[in-house]
Protein backbone atom coordinates (compact mmCIF):
# COMPACT_ATOMS: atom_id res chain seq x y z
CA MET A 1 171.16 73.68 13.56
CA THR A 2 170.42 73.55 17.28
CA VAL A 3 171.96 71.20 19.84
CA VAL A 4 169.33 69.58 22.07
CA THR A 5 169.77 67.48 25.20
CA VAL A 6 167.06 64.81 25.49
CA LEU A 7 166.44 63.42 28.97
CA HIS A 8 165.89 60.56 28.30
CA PRO A 9 165.61 58.46 25.11
CA GLY A 10 162.85 56.08 26.19
CA SER A 11 160.22 55.05 23.65
CA MET A 12 158.82 58.59 23.22
CA GLY A 13 162.14 60.35 23.83
CA ALA A 14 163.91 58.28 21.19
CA ALA A 15 161.14 58.91 18.65
CA VAL A 16 161.32 62.66 19.27
CA THR A 17 165.11 62.46 19.05
CA ALA A 18 164.88 60.82 15.64
CA GLU A 19 162.61 63.64 14.42
CA LEU A 20 165.10 66.25 15.62
CA VAL A 21 168.04 64.46 13.98
CA THR A 22 166.13 64.09 10.71
CA GLY A 23 165.49 67.84 10.86
CA GLY A 24 169.23 68.51 10.94
CA HIS A 25 169.73 69.10 14.65
CA ASP A 26 172.28 67.50 16.94
CA VAL A 27 170.89 65.58 19.91
CA VAL A 28 172.92 64.55 22.93
CA TRP A 29 171.97 62.40 25.89
CA VAL A 30 173.52 61.34 29.19
CA SER A 31 174.53 57.69 29.03
CA LYS A 32 175.76 57.14 32.58
CA GLY A 33 173.67 54.57 34.41
CA ARG A 34 171.27 53.98 31.53
CA SER A 35 170.16 50.54 30.36
CA GLU A 36 171.23 48.66 27.25
CA ASN A 37 167.77 49.26 25.78
CA THR A 38 168.23 53.00 26.23
CA TRP A 39 171.64 52.77 24.57
CA ARG A 40 170.10 50.93 21.64
CA ARG A 41 167.23 53.41 21.23
CA ALA A 42 169.57 56.40 21.42
CA ARG A 43 171.96 54.88 18.90
CA GLU A 44 169.18 54.03 16.45
CA ALA A 45 167.73 57.55 16.80
CA GLY A 46 171.09 59.17 16.02
CA ALA A 47 171.80 60.74 19.42
CA MET A 48 175.33 61.32 20.66
CA ALA A 49 176.25 60.06 24.13
CA CYS A 50 177.75 62.33 26.79
CA ASP A 51 179.45 61.05 29.92
CA SER A 52 177.83 63.63 32.20
CA LEU A 53 174.88 66.00 32.42
CA ALA A 54 177.30 68.91 32.74
CA GLU A 55 178.89 68.03 29.40
CA ALA A 56 175.53 67.67 27.66
CA LEU A 57 174.21 70.98 29.01
CA SER A 58 177.37 72.85 28.08
CA ARG A 59 176.79 71.88 24.46
CA SER A 60 173.04 72.52 24.29
CA ALA A 61 170.69 75.43 23.72
CA VAL A 62 167.60 73.37 24.53
CA VAL A 63 166.80 70.64 27.04
CA LEU A 64 163.87 68.36 26.31
CA SER A 65 162.63 66.46 29.38
CA VAL A 66 160.81 63.28 28.30
CA CYS A 67 160.54 60.92 31.25
CA PRO A 68 157.97 59.14 33.45
CA PRO A 69 155.84 61.63 35.43
CA GLN A 70 157.34 60.61 38.77
CA ALA A 71 160.85 61.53 37.57
CA ALA A 72 160.05 64.96 36.11
CA GLU A 73 161.00 67.05 39.14
CA ASP A 74 164.20 65.09 39.77
CA VAL A 75 165.30 65.66 36.17
CA ALA A 76 164.50 69.37 36.47
CA ALA A 77 166.39 69.65 39.77
CA ALA A 78 169.46 68.04 38.22
CA VAL A 79 169.40 70.51 35.33
CA ALA A 80 168.77 73.47 37.66
CA ALA A 81 171.82 72.47 39.73
CA HIS A 82 174.00 73.17 36.68
CA ALA A 83 172.55 76.67 36.15
CA PHE A 84 171.46 75.84 32.61
CA ALA A 85 170.84 79.04 30.65
CA GLY A 86 168.92 77.78 27.60
CA ALA A 87 165.32 76.73 26.99
CA TYR A 88 163.98 73.95 29.21
CA VAL A 89 161.04 72.10 27.65
CA ASP A 90 159.06 69.76 29.87
CA VAL A 91 156.84 67.49 27.77
CA ASN A 92 155.96 65.04 30.54
CA ALA A 93 152.44 63.99 31.51
CA ILE A 94 152.33 66.00 34.74
CA SER A 95 149.94 68.37 36.47
CA PRO A 96 149.99 72.14 35.86
CA GLN A 97 151.02 72.59 39.50
CA ARG A 98 154.03 70.32 39.04
CA VAL A 99 155.20 72.02 35.86
CA GLN A 100 154.84 75.39 37.58
CA ARG A 101 157.07 74.16 40.43
CA ILE A 102 159.57 72.97 37.84
CA ALA A 103 159.49 76.37 36.14
CA GLU A 104 160.24 78.10 39.45
CA GLU A 105 163.17 75.78 40.08
CA ILE A 106 164.66 76.15 36.60
CA ARG A 107 164.37 79.94 36.49
CA PRO A 108 165.81 82.55 36.38
CA GLY A 109 168.60 81.15 34.22
CA SER A 110 166.43 79.31 31.71
CA GLU A 111 163.33 79.97 29.68
CA VAL A 112 160.73 77.32 30.44
CA VAL A 113 158.29 75.82 27.95
CA ASP A 114 155.41 73.63 29.09
CA GLY A 115 154.77 70.89 26.55
CA ALA A 116 152.45 67.93 26.01
CA VAL A 117 152.54 65.20 23.39
CA PHE A 118 149.31 63.68 22.07
CA GLY A 119 149.42 60.48 20.09
CA PRO A 120 151.91 57.64 19.61
CA PRO A 121 155.68 58.06 19.35
CA PRO A 122 156.10 59.84 15.98
CA GLY A 123 157.85 58.45 12.94
CA GLU A 124 157.49 55.48 10.57
CA GLY A 125 154.19 56.83 9.30
CA ARG A 126 152.89 57.82 12.74
CA THR A 127 152.13 61.45 13.59
CA ALA A 128 151.59 63.17 16.92
CA ARG A 129 150.71 66.63 18.19
CA LEU A 130 153.04 68.64 20.39
CA TYR A 131 151.35 71.43 22.33
CA LEU A 132 153.58 74.18 23.72
CA ALA A 133 152.85 76.88 26.28
CA GLY A 134 155.04 79.65 27.62
CA ALA A 135 156.52 82.99 26.75
CA GLY A 136 156.42 83.72 23.05
CA SER A 137 160.19 84.04 22.75
CA ALA A 138 160.77 80.61 24.29
CA VAL A 139 158.10 78.90 22.18
CA ASP A 140 159.49 80.64 19.09
CA LEU A 141 162.84 78.96 19.81
CA VAL A 142 161.37 75.48 20.23
CA GLU A 143 158.70 75.38 17.51
CA PRO A 144 161.09 75.50 14.50
CA LEU A 145 162.94 72.44 15.81
CA PHE A 146 160.07 70.32 14.50
CA THR A 147 159.44 71.96 11.14
CA ASP A 148 158.47 69.33 8.52
CA SER A 149 158.56 66.59 11.14
CA SER A 150 155.99 64.02 12.25
CA LEU A 151 155.24 66.23 15.25
CA ASP A 152 152.57 68.81 14.52
CA VAL A 153 153.39 71.71 16.86
CA ARG A 154 150.44 73.65 18.27
CA ARG A 155 150.31 76.47 20.79
CA ALA A 156 148.31 76.07 24.00
CA GLY A 157 148.81 79.61 25.31
CA GLU A 158 151.39 81.63 27.17
CA ALA A 159 150.63 80.49 30.72
CA ILE A 160 152.96 77.79 32.03
CA GLY A 161 150.68 74.86 32.86
CA SER A 162 148.28 75.30 29.94
CA ALA A 163 149.73 72.46 27.87
CA SER A 164 149.91 70.20 30.92
CA ALA A 165 146.31 71.01 31.83
CA LEU A 166 145.25 70.02 28.33
CA LYS A 167 147.13 66.73 28.69
CA MET A 168 145.55 66.06 32.09
CA ALA A 169 142.07 66.82 30.76
CA PHE A 170 142.57 64.41 27.87
CA ALA A 171 144.26 61.72 29.97
CA SER A 172 141.52 61.84 32.60
CA TYR A 173 139.20 60.29 30.03
CA GLN A 174 141.61 58.36 27.83
CA LYS A 175 143.42 56.46 30.58
CA ALA A 176 140.39 56.04 32.84
CA ALA A 177 138.17 54.74 30.02
CA ARG A 178 140.66 52.03 29.09
CA THR A 179 141.14 51.02 32.70
CA LEU A 180 137.38 50.91 33.28
CA ALA A 181 137.09 48.57 30.30
CA GLY A 182 139.54 46.27 32.06
CA VAL A 183 137.48 46.33 35.26
CA SER A 184 134.29 45.62 33.28
CA HIS A 185 135.85 42.67 31.47
CA ALA A 186 137.36 41.35 34.72
CA LEU A 187 133.90 41.34 36.34
CA ALA A 188 132.29 39.61 33.35
CA HIS A 189 135.19 37.15 33.16
CA ALA A 190 134.67 36.20 36.82
CA HIS A 191 131.03 35.32 36.08
CA GLY A 192 131.69 33.57 32.78
CA VAL A 193 129.98 36.15 30.60
CA GLY A 194 133.00 37.78 28.96
CA ASP A 195 131.93 36.90 25.42
CA GLN A 196 128.46 38.30 26.02
CA LEU A 197 129.89 41.57 27.32
CA THR A 198 132.07 41.87 24.23
CA ALA A 199 129.06 41.21 22.01
CA GLU A 200 127.05 43.92 23.78
CA ALA A 201 129.97 46.34 23.57
CA GLU A 202 130.18 45.86 19.80
CA ILE A 203 126.82 47.62 19.57
CA MET A 204 128.28 50.70 21.28
CA VAL A 205 129.79 53.60 19.37
CA SER A 206 133.01 53.39 21.38
CA ALA A 207 135.47 50.67 20.34
CA ILE A 208 137.37 50.52 23.63
CA LEU A 209 135.10 48.11 25.49
CA SER A 210 134.72 45.86 22.41
CA ASP A 211 138.47 45.14 22.26
CA PRO A 212 139.65 43.22 25.35
CA GLY A 213 142.68 42.15 23.32
CA TYR A 214 144.00 45.68 23.86
CA LEU A 215 144.19 45.28 27.64
CA PRO A 216 147.62 43.58 27.85
CA SER A 217 149.09 46.70 26.27
CA VAL A 218 147.39 48.75 29.01
CA ALA A 219 148.89 46.50 31.68
CA ALA A 220 152.33 46.79 30.06
CA ARG A 221 152.14 50.58 30.38
CA ALA A 222 150.50 50.73 33.81
CA TRP A 223 153.80 51.60 35.51
CA ARG A 224 153.70 54.92 33.60
CA TRP A 225 149.94 55.44 33.56
CA ALA A 226 149.38 55.08 37.32
CA PRO A 227 151.60 58.11 38.17
CA GLU A 228 149.94 60.03 35.33
CA MET A 229 146.50 59.38 36.83
CA GLU A 230 147.80 60.67 40.17
CA GLU A 231 148.75 63.86 38.32
CA VAL A 232 145.22 63.97 36.86
CA ALA A 233 143.80 63.69 40.39
CA ASP A 234 146.01 66.56 41.53
CA THR A 235 144.78 68.65 38.61
CA LEU A 236 141.13 67.87 39.36
CA ARG A 237 141.51 68.75 43.05
CA ALA A 238 143.11 72.05 42.14
CA ALA A 239 140.07 72.83 39.99
CA ASP A 240 137.66 71.88 42.84
CA LEU A 241 136.48 68.84 40.89
CA PRO A 242 136.07 65.28 42.24
CA ALA A 243 139.32 63.33 41.99
CA ASP A 244 137.97 59.96 43.19
CA MET A 245 137.79 58.43 39.72
CA ALA A 246 141.37 59.33 38.86
CA GLU A 247 142.62 58.08 42.23
CA ALA A 248 140.71 54.82 41.81
CA THR A 249 142.13 54.43 38.30
CA ALA A 250 145.65 54.85 39.64
CA ARG A 251 144.96 52.18 42.27
CA ALA A 252 143.59 49.78 39.65
CA LEU A 253 146.60 50.39 37.40
CA SER A 254 148.94 49.59 40.29
CA PHE A 255 147.72 45.96 40.09
CA TRP A 256 149.45 45.78 36.70
CA GLU A 257 152.73 47.49 37.59
CA GLN A 258 154.63 44.18 37.60
CA ASP A 259 153.71 43.74 33.93
CA LYS A 260 156.00 46.55 32.75
CA ASP A 261 156.60 46.29 28.98
CA GLN A 262 155.12 42.74 28.80
CA TYR A 263 152.86 43.30 25.82
CA ASP A 264 152.25 39.61 25.10
CA LEU A 265 150.51 38.57 28.33
CA PRO A 266 147.28 36.55 27.94
CA VAL A 267 144.12 38.60 28.32
CA ALA A 268 142.80 36.17 30.95
CA GLN A 269 145.88 36.73 33.13
CA VAL A 270 145.61 40.50 32.87
CA LEU A 271 141.93 40.37 33.87
CA SER A 272 142.62 38.00 36.77
CA GLN A 273 145.24 40.37 38.19
CA LEU A 274 142.63 43.09 38.57
CA ARG A 275 140.57 40.70 40.69
CA SER A 276 143.43 39.60 42.93
CA GLY A 277 145.88 42.51 42.86
CA ARG A 278 148.72 40.13 42.09
CA THR A 279 150.04 37.98 39.26
CA ALA A 280 147.63 35.05 39.01
CA CYS A 281 149.49 33.07 36.35
CA PRO A 282 153.26 33.70 36.53
CA ARG A 283 154.93 33.54 33.15
CA SER A 284 157.48 30.84 32.49
CA ARG A 285 160.90 32.33 31.86
């Protein structure tokens, strides 16, 4: 049994927490300043609340950082300030450069593992892949935590940044393709040919463009996806590749940031917001 601190039990963090608890491990989290939704998710996942980060770290051998990309370095800095001496696992959707900076800040006290999750939050019949990169001894400590779980652990190499690079490479298509579908449907919608575009898209091999009903879920997650696309752009620039598409995707996603977690918005409203950059049809409360 290993004690793990999860920072923080959002949708993905809570799902990973539940997998750890089911595997017989204790999970703690820092409750100070967190929302009622976070409390509920942590409670349902079986995590134990701690009043402070210092308390949580003193009890833990592993820290799992699962947060929005823009918060990853702040979380790491807070852990580093307590001279944590266990394994620090960053599974956020961030660039290799950012995870390398985090590794430098966390060391020398901790062993750092670069991680990346592919797929939906695991559990309830859903499976995901967890790629890990770092020194063999550190990965050897983390990998058994998910034995017989809904997270299929795979190794991405020993270089810190390898798992994050894989995530950025995948996200550069996955996120951009879905956002481009939104732009395409918004253009067709403006000219009254949305149904015809959908009909044409149904002939394509890809199903993304043929499903405009999926776009409200993209808008609901844009507040997380826009920073991730900025990380993709940073990764592309570092590899001397054009970053314009990723930067443009991040800008387009920013038009949906006010729709955080609103999965039931009408498709027409979501498409209109791309055209105007603002909420065209405010929801009644």
